[in-house]
Amino acid sequence: MKTYNTIYFLLFVLLIMGAFASMAQNSYGLRLLGFVAFAFGLLFLYQFVKYVMKKEAKDVFTELELVSLSILSFIYALNVFNIHSMVTEVIFVAAGLLLAGLYVRKLTMAYHKLKGVNRALSLLIVTFYLSILLFIIYIITGLFSPLVSKISGLAGFLVMVVFLISAVIKGNLLVEGENISAFKWIIDTKDRSGLLISLFSMMAVYLGLSSSGVLPPLYIDDLPQAYYDMARQSGTGIEKKIDGKDKHEQFKIEYDKFVSRNLADRK
């Protein structure tokens, strides 16, 4: 597990570097984010294969968690490189719903296990898993409802802040004769919840800061954002054709003409 933590840390560093590079309008920044997402997908897939090959008893829910995380990472990488289709969008939502279902299960199991032992700890863990669920909704609904996505992302971040403050204030809690904090309980579960909350929190913080104008938006490419929005619609079958061409293709033709005219005028 320590080996994975080292790789996670390295990927987090690359993720931050890619985000700052993109905000500085360097085109390689977004590509770096895509490669980091792909690396996460490979790492989750490797963990899945290694776990399946273990000789001792295995937990099918752990396998499903790793599969869903791998799928989400790979498809997110494709989205970064502007590769969209109806199939990938459906698979992305399905993997997200599967992951949400797994964490609903974790939430209910943790609550029933801890409520009779230490009610304060049970509520803390429920709050923690609830923030993850809200962040998963934030990721899924971003494809078709930006408003719901922003609301769920903000709610997830606020719930996470409540958890962090409450967990620090409560400190160690008595559980079956042993003093244990909410943080230690989460670490001892040995799932990917800590990794997910870290990733989602970074996304939520950036979303809040960029929406308020504190941080600049990510630099996508030489083409306007509208082109990529239309390209996404084309991949999902929503976009209508104009003169036999997809709307985003026609937009690019007209945009290239506009740029050429302006360059000619400057000369």
Protein backbone atom coordinates (compact mmCIF):
# COMPACT_ATOMS: atom_id res chain seq x y z
CA MET A 1 0.00 0.00 0.00
CA LYS A 2 2.92 2.34 0.72
CA THR A 3 4.14 1.83 -2.86
CA TYR A 4 0.75 2.94 -4.18
CA ASN A 5 0.78 5.98 -1.90
CA THR A 6 4.10 7.07 -3.39
CA ILE A 7 2.68 6.77 -6.90
CA TYR A 8 -0.48 8.60 -5.85
CA PHE A 9 1.64 11.43 -4.47
CA LEU A 10 3.62 11.67 -7.70
CA LEU A 11 0.42 11.75 -9.76
CA PHE A 12 -1.00 14.47 -7.50
CA VAL A 13 2.12 16.57 -8.08
CA LEU A 14 1.80 16.08 -11.86
CA LEU A 15 -1.90 16.91 -11.63
CA ILE A 16 -1.19 20.21 -9.90
CA MET A 17 1.62 21.00 -12.36
CA GLY A 18 -0.68 20.30 -15.30
CA ALA A 19 -3.44 22.47 -13.86
CA PHE A 20 -1.13 25.43 -13.27
CA ALA A 21 0.46 25.02 -16.69
CA SER A 22 -2.98 25.01 -18.28
CA MET A 23 -4.06 28.09 -16.32
CA ALA A 24 -0.90 29.79 -17.60
CA GLN A 25 -2.21 29.06 -21.15
CA ASN A 26 0.36 26.38 -21.96
CA SER A 27 -1.20 23.81 -24.25
CA TYR A 28 0.85 20.97 -22.72
CA GLY A 29 -0.92 21.51 -19.39
CA LEU A 30 -4.17 19.90 -20.47
CA ARG A 31 -2.32 17.04 -22.14
CA LEU A 32 -0.50 16.42 -18.87
CA LEU A 33 -3.86 16.26 -17.07
CA GLY A 34 -5.03 13.70 -19.62
CA PHE A 35 -1.92 11.57 -19.14
CA VAL A 36 -2.34 11.74 -15.35
CA ALA A 37 -5.96 10.53 -15.67
CA PHE A 38 -4.77 7.71 -17.94
CA ALA A 39 -2.04 6.81 -15.41
CA PHE A 40 -4.66 6.64 -12.64
CA GLY A 41 -6.71 4.31 -14.86
CA LEU A 42 -3.71 2.02 -15.43
CA LEU A 43 -2.89 2.02 -11.71
CA PHE A 44 -6.43 1.06 -10.71
CA LEU A 45 -6.47 -1.62 -13.41
CA TYR A 46 -3.15 -3.00 -12.16
CA GLN A 47 -4.49 -3.12 -8.61
CA PHE A 48 -7.59 -4.93 -9.86
CA VAL A 49 -5.57 -7.58 -11.71
CA LYS A 50 -3.23 -8.04 -8.77
CA TYR A 51 -6.15 -8.35 -6.36
CA VAL A 52 -7.98 -10.88 -8.54
CA MET A 53 -4.84 -13.04 -8.77
CA LYS A 54 -4.54 -13.27 -4.99
CA LYS A 55 -5.02 -16.80 -3.67
CA GLU A 56 -6.83 -15.82 -0.46
CA ALA A 57 -10.52 -14.92 -0.23
CA LYS A 58 -11.48 -11.85 -2.23
CA ASP A 59 -14.15 -9.17 -1.86
CA VAL A 60 -16.22 -8.62 -4.99
CA PHE A 61 -17.03 -5.07 -3.89
CA THR A 62 -13.33 -4.17 -3.83
CA GLU A 63 -13.04 -5.54 -7.36
CA LEU A 64 -16.03 -3.47 -8.50
CA GLU A 65 -14.57 -0.35 -6.89
CA LEU A 66 -11.28 -0.76 -8.76
CA VAL A 67 -13.03 -1.50 -12.06
CA SER A 68 -15.33 1.52 -11.81
CA LEU A 69 -12.44 3.83 -10.86
CA SER A 70 -10.38 2.53 -13.76
CA ILE A 71 -13.22 3.11 -16.23
CA LEU A 72 -13.90 6.62 -14.91
CA SER A 73 -10.21 7.51 -15.16
CA PHE A 74 -9.81 6.21 -18.71
CA ILE A 75 -12.95 7.94 -19.99
CA TYR A 76 -11.98 11.18 -18.26
CA ALA A 77 -8.64 10.98 -20.09
CA LEU A 78 -10.50 10.52 -23.38
CA ASN A 79 -12.64 13.57 -22.61
CA VAL A 80 -9.53 15.64 -21.95
CA PHE A 81 -8.26 14.69 -25.42
CA ASN A 82 -11.66 15.63 -26.85
CA ILE A 83 -12.71 12.05 -27.69
CA HIS A 84 -16.43 11.74 -27.07
CA SER A 85 -19.18 9.33 -28.05
CA MET A 86 -22.59 8.27 -26.83
CA VAL A 87 -21.12 4.93 -25.72
CA THR A 88 -18.35 6.44 -23.59
CA GLU A 89 -20.79 8.89 -21.96
CA VAL A 90 -23.17 6.04 -21.05
CA ILE A 91 -20.32 3.90 -19.70
CA PHE A 92 -19.02 6.87 -17.69
CA VAL A 93 -22.41 7.44 -16.04
CA ALA A 94 -22.85 3.69 -15.42
CA ALA A 95 -19.41 3.44 -13.78
CA GLY A 96 -20.20 6.51 -11.68
CA LEU A 97 -23.52 5.07 -10.54
CA LEU A 98 -21.81 1.78 -9.68
CA LEU A 99 -19.22 3.63 -7.60
CA ALA A 100 -21.98 5.63 -5.90
CA GLY A 101 -23.82 2.40 -5.07
CA LEU A 102 -20.66 0.92 -3.56
CA TYR A 103 -20.21 3.94 -1.31
CA VAL A 104 -23.86 3.91 -0.26
CA ARG A 105 -23.16 0.36 0.88
CA LYS A 106 -20.01 1.47 2.73
CA LEU A 107 -21.97 4.28 4.39
CA THR A 108 -24.78 2.03 5.64
CA MET A 109 -22.41 -0.71 6.80
CA ALA A 110 -20.22 1.75 8.71
CA TYR A 111 -23.25 3.35 10.36
CA HIS A 112 -24.76 0.03 11.50
CA LYS A 113 -21.37 -1.18 12.71
CA LEU A 114 -20.55 1.93 14.73
CA LYS A 115 -23.89 3.32 15.93
CA GLY A 116 -24.06 0.95 18.90
CA VAL A 117 -20.38 1.40 19.71
CA ASN A 118 -19.81 5.13 19.36
CA ARG A 119 -22.58 7.26 17.88
CA ALA A 120 -20.33 10.31 17.36
CA LEU A 121 -17.87 8.30 15.26
CA SER A 122 -20.70 6.73 13.27
CA LEU A 123 -22.05 10.17 12.35
CA LEU A 124 -18.55 11.37 11.40
CA ILE A 125 -18.01 8.43 9.05
CA VAL A 126 -21.48 8.89 7.53
CA THR A 127 -20.63 12.55 6.89
CA PHE A 128 -17.35 11.52 5.25
CA TYR A 129 -18.98 9.01 2.89
CA LEU A 130 -21.83 11.43 2.16
CA SER A 131 -19.32 14.00 0.90
CA ILE A 132 -17.87 11.38 -1.47
CA LEU A 133 -21.35 10.52 -2.76
CA LEU A 134 -22.10 14.19 -3.45
CA PHE A 135 -18.81 14.53 -5.31
CA ILE A 136 -19.64 11.47 -7.43
CA ILE A 137 -22.97 13.09 -8.32
CA TYR A 138 -20.99 16.22 -9.19
CA ILE A 139 -18.86 14.22 -11.65
CA ILE A 140 -21.77 12.33 -13.25
CA THR A 141 -24.20 15.21 -13.65
CA GLY A 142 -21.52 17.43 -15.18
CA LEU A 143 -22.24 15.69 -18.49
CA PHE A 144 -25.87 16.78 -18.74
CA SER A 145 -26.74 19.27 -15.96
CA PRO A 146 -24.05 21.85 -15.07
CA LEU A 147 -26.32 23.48 -12.47
CA VAL A 148 -26.95 20.24 -10.56
CA SER A 149 -23.26 19.42 -10.89
CA LYS A 150 -22.16 22.73 -9.34
CA ILE A 151 -24.70 22.45 -6.52
CA SER A 152 -23.68 18.88 -5.65
CA GLY A 153 -19.99 19.78 -5.89
CA LEU A 154 -20.44 22.73 -3.53
CA ALA A 155 -22.55 20.62 -1.17
CA GLY A 156 -19.92 17.87 -1.20
CA PHE A 157 -17.18 20.36 -0.37
CA LEU A 158 -19.20 21.90 2.49
CA VAL A 159 -20.02 18.47 3.93
CA MET A 160 -16.34 17.54 3.71
CA VAL A 161 -15.37 20.73 5.59
CA VAL A 162 -17.94 19.89 8.28
CA PHE A 163 -16.41 16.41 8.57
CA LEU A 164 -12.84 17.73 8.85
CA ILE A 165 -13.70 20.33 11.50
CA SER A 166 -15.83 17.89 13.49
CA ALA A 167 -13.21 15.12 13.28
CA VAL A 168 -10.48 17.47 14.55
CA ILE A 169 -12.68 18.76 17.40
CA LYS A 170 -13.77 15.27 18.48
CA GLY A 171 -10.24 13.87 18.28
CA ASN A 172 -9.89 10.32 19.60
CA LEU A 173 -13.08 8.47 20.42
CA LEU A 174 -13.49 5.34 22.54
CA VAL A 175 -14.34 2.31 20.39
CA GLU A 176 -14.38 -1.11 22.07
CA GLY A 177 -11.84 -0.02 24.67
CA GLU A 178 -9.51 1.64 22.13
CA ASN A 179 -9.08 5.33 21.40
CA ILE A 180 -9.45 5.90 17.67
CA SER A 181 -9.97 8.99 15.53
CA ALA A 182 -12.20 9.24 12.48
CA PHE A 183 -9.09 9.65 10.33
CA LYS A 184 -7.55 6.42 11.62
CA TRP A 185 -10.79 4.55 11.10
CA ILE A 186 -10.89 5.68 7.46
CA ILE A 187 -7.24 4.74 6.89
CA ASP A 188 -7.81 1.29 8.42
CA THR A 189 -10.63 0.56 5.93
CA LYS A 190 -7.92 0.35 3.23
CA ASP A 191 -10.25 1.44 0.44
CA ARG A 192 -9.78 4.35 -1.98
CA SER A 193 -12.02 6.78 -0.10
CA GLY A 194 -9.10 8.92 1.12
CA LEU A 195 -7.75 9.20 -2.43
CA LEU A 196 -11.18 10.07 -3.82
CA ILE A 197 -11.88 12.77 -1.25
CA SER A 198 -8.49 14.33 -2.00
CA LEU A 199 -9.10 14.36 -5.76
CA PHE A 200 -12.67 15.62 -5.45
CA SER A 201 -11.65 18.32 -2.97
CA MET A 202 -9.02 19.64 -5.37
CA MET A 203 -11.61 19.77 -8.14
CA ALA A 204 -14.15 21.51 -5.90
CA VAL A 205 -11.63 24.10 -4.68
CA TYR A 206 -10.58 24.87 -8.24
CA LEU A 207 -14.20 25.10 -9.37
CA GLY A 208 -15.00 27.56 -6.60
CA LEU A 209 -11.92 29.71 -7.16
CA SER A 210 -12.27 29.77 -10.95
CA SER A 211 -15.99 30.56 -10.76
CA SER A 212 -15.26 33.51 -8.47
CA GLY A 213 -12.50 34.77 -10.76
CA VAL A 214 -9.65 34.11 -8.30
CA LEU A 215 -8.09 31.53 -10.64
CA PRO A 216 -8.18 31.60 -14.45
CA PRO A 217 -9.96 28.85 -16.42
CA LEU A 218 -7.99 25.95 -17.84
CA TYR A 219 -6.51 26.68 -21.25
CA ILE A 220 -8.01 24.18 -23.68
CA ASP A 221 -6.38 24.89 -27.05
CA ASP A 222 -6.20 27.40 -29.85
CA LEU A 223 -9.91 26.94 -30.55
CA PRO A 224 -12.70 28.59 -28.50
CA GLN A 225 -14.55 26.64 -25.80
CA ALA A 226 -17.71 26.71 -27.96
CA TYR A 227 -16.04 24.38 -30.48
CA TYR A 228 -15.42 21.73 -27.81
CA ASP A 229 -18.94 22.07 -26.44
CA MET A 230 -20.34 21.43 -29.92
CA ALA A 231 -17.91 18.56 -30.47
CA ARG A 232 -19.15 16.95 -27.25
CA GLN A 233 -22.75 17.26 -28.46
CA SER A 234 -21.74 15.68 -31.75
CA GLY A 235 -20.25 12.72 -29.93
CA THR A 236 -23.46 12.16 -28.00
CA GLY A 237 -25.67 12.47 -31.09
CA ILE A 238 -27.34 15.71 -29.95
CA GLU A 239 -25.72 18.06 -32.44
CA LYS A 240 -27.56 18.82 -35.67
CA LYS A 241 -25.83 18.85 -39.05
CA ILE A 242 -25.48 21.96 -41.20
CA ASP A 243 -25.13 21.37 -44.97
CA GLY A 244 -24.15 17.77 -44.32
CA LYS A 245 -21.43 18.73 -41.85
CA ASP A 246 -21.43 18.51 -38.07
CA LYS A 247 -22.00 21.85 -36.42
CA HIS A 248 -18.57 21.91 -34.79
CA GLU A 249 -16.88 21.13 -38.13
CA GLN A 250 -18.69 24.05 -39.78
CA PHE A 251 -17.75 26.24 -36.82
CA LYS A 252 -14.07 25.33 -37.24
CA ILE A 253 -14.17 26.17 -40.96
CA GLU A 254 -15.66 29.58 -40.28
CA TYR A 255 -13.31 30.17 -37.36
CA ASP A 256 -10.25 29.33 -39.49
CA LYS A 257 -11.48 31.78 -42.14
CA PHE A 258 -11.90 34.46 -39.48
CA VAL A 259 -8.36 33.91 -38.15
CA SER A 260 -6.89 33.93 -41.67
CA ARG A 261 -8.60 37.22 -42.50
CA ASN A 262 -7.31 38.86 -39.32
CA LEU A 263 -3.77 37.64 -39.95
CA ALA A 264 -3.94 38.97 -43.52
CA ASP A 265 -5.16 42.36 -42.28
CA ARG A 266 -2.26 42.64 -39.85
CA LYS A 267 0.22 42.07 -42.65
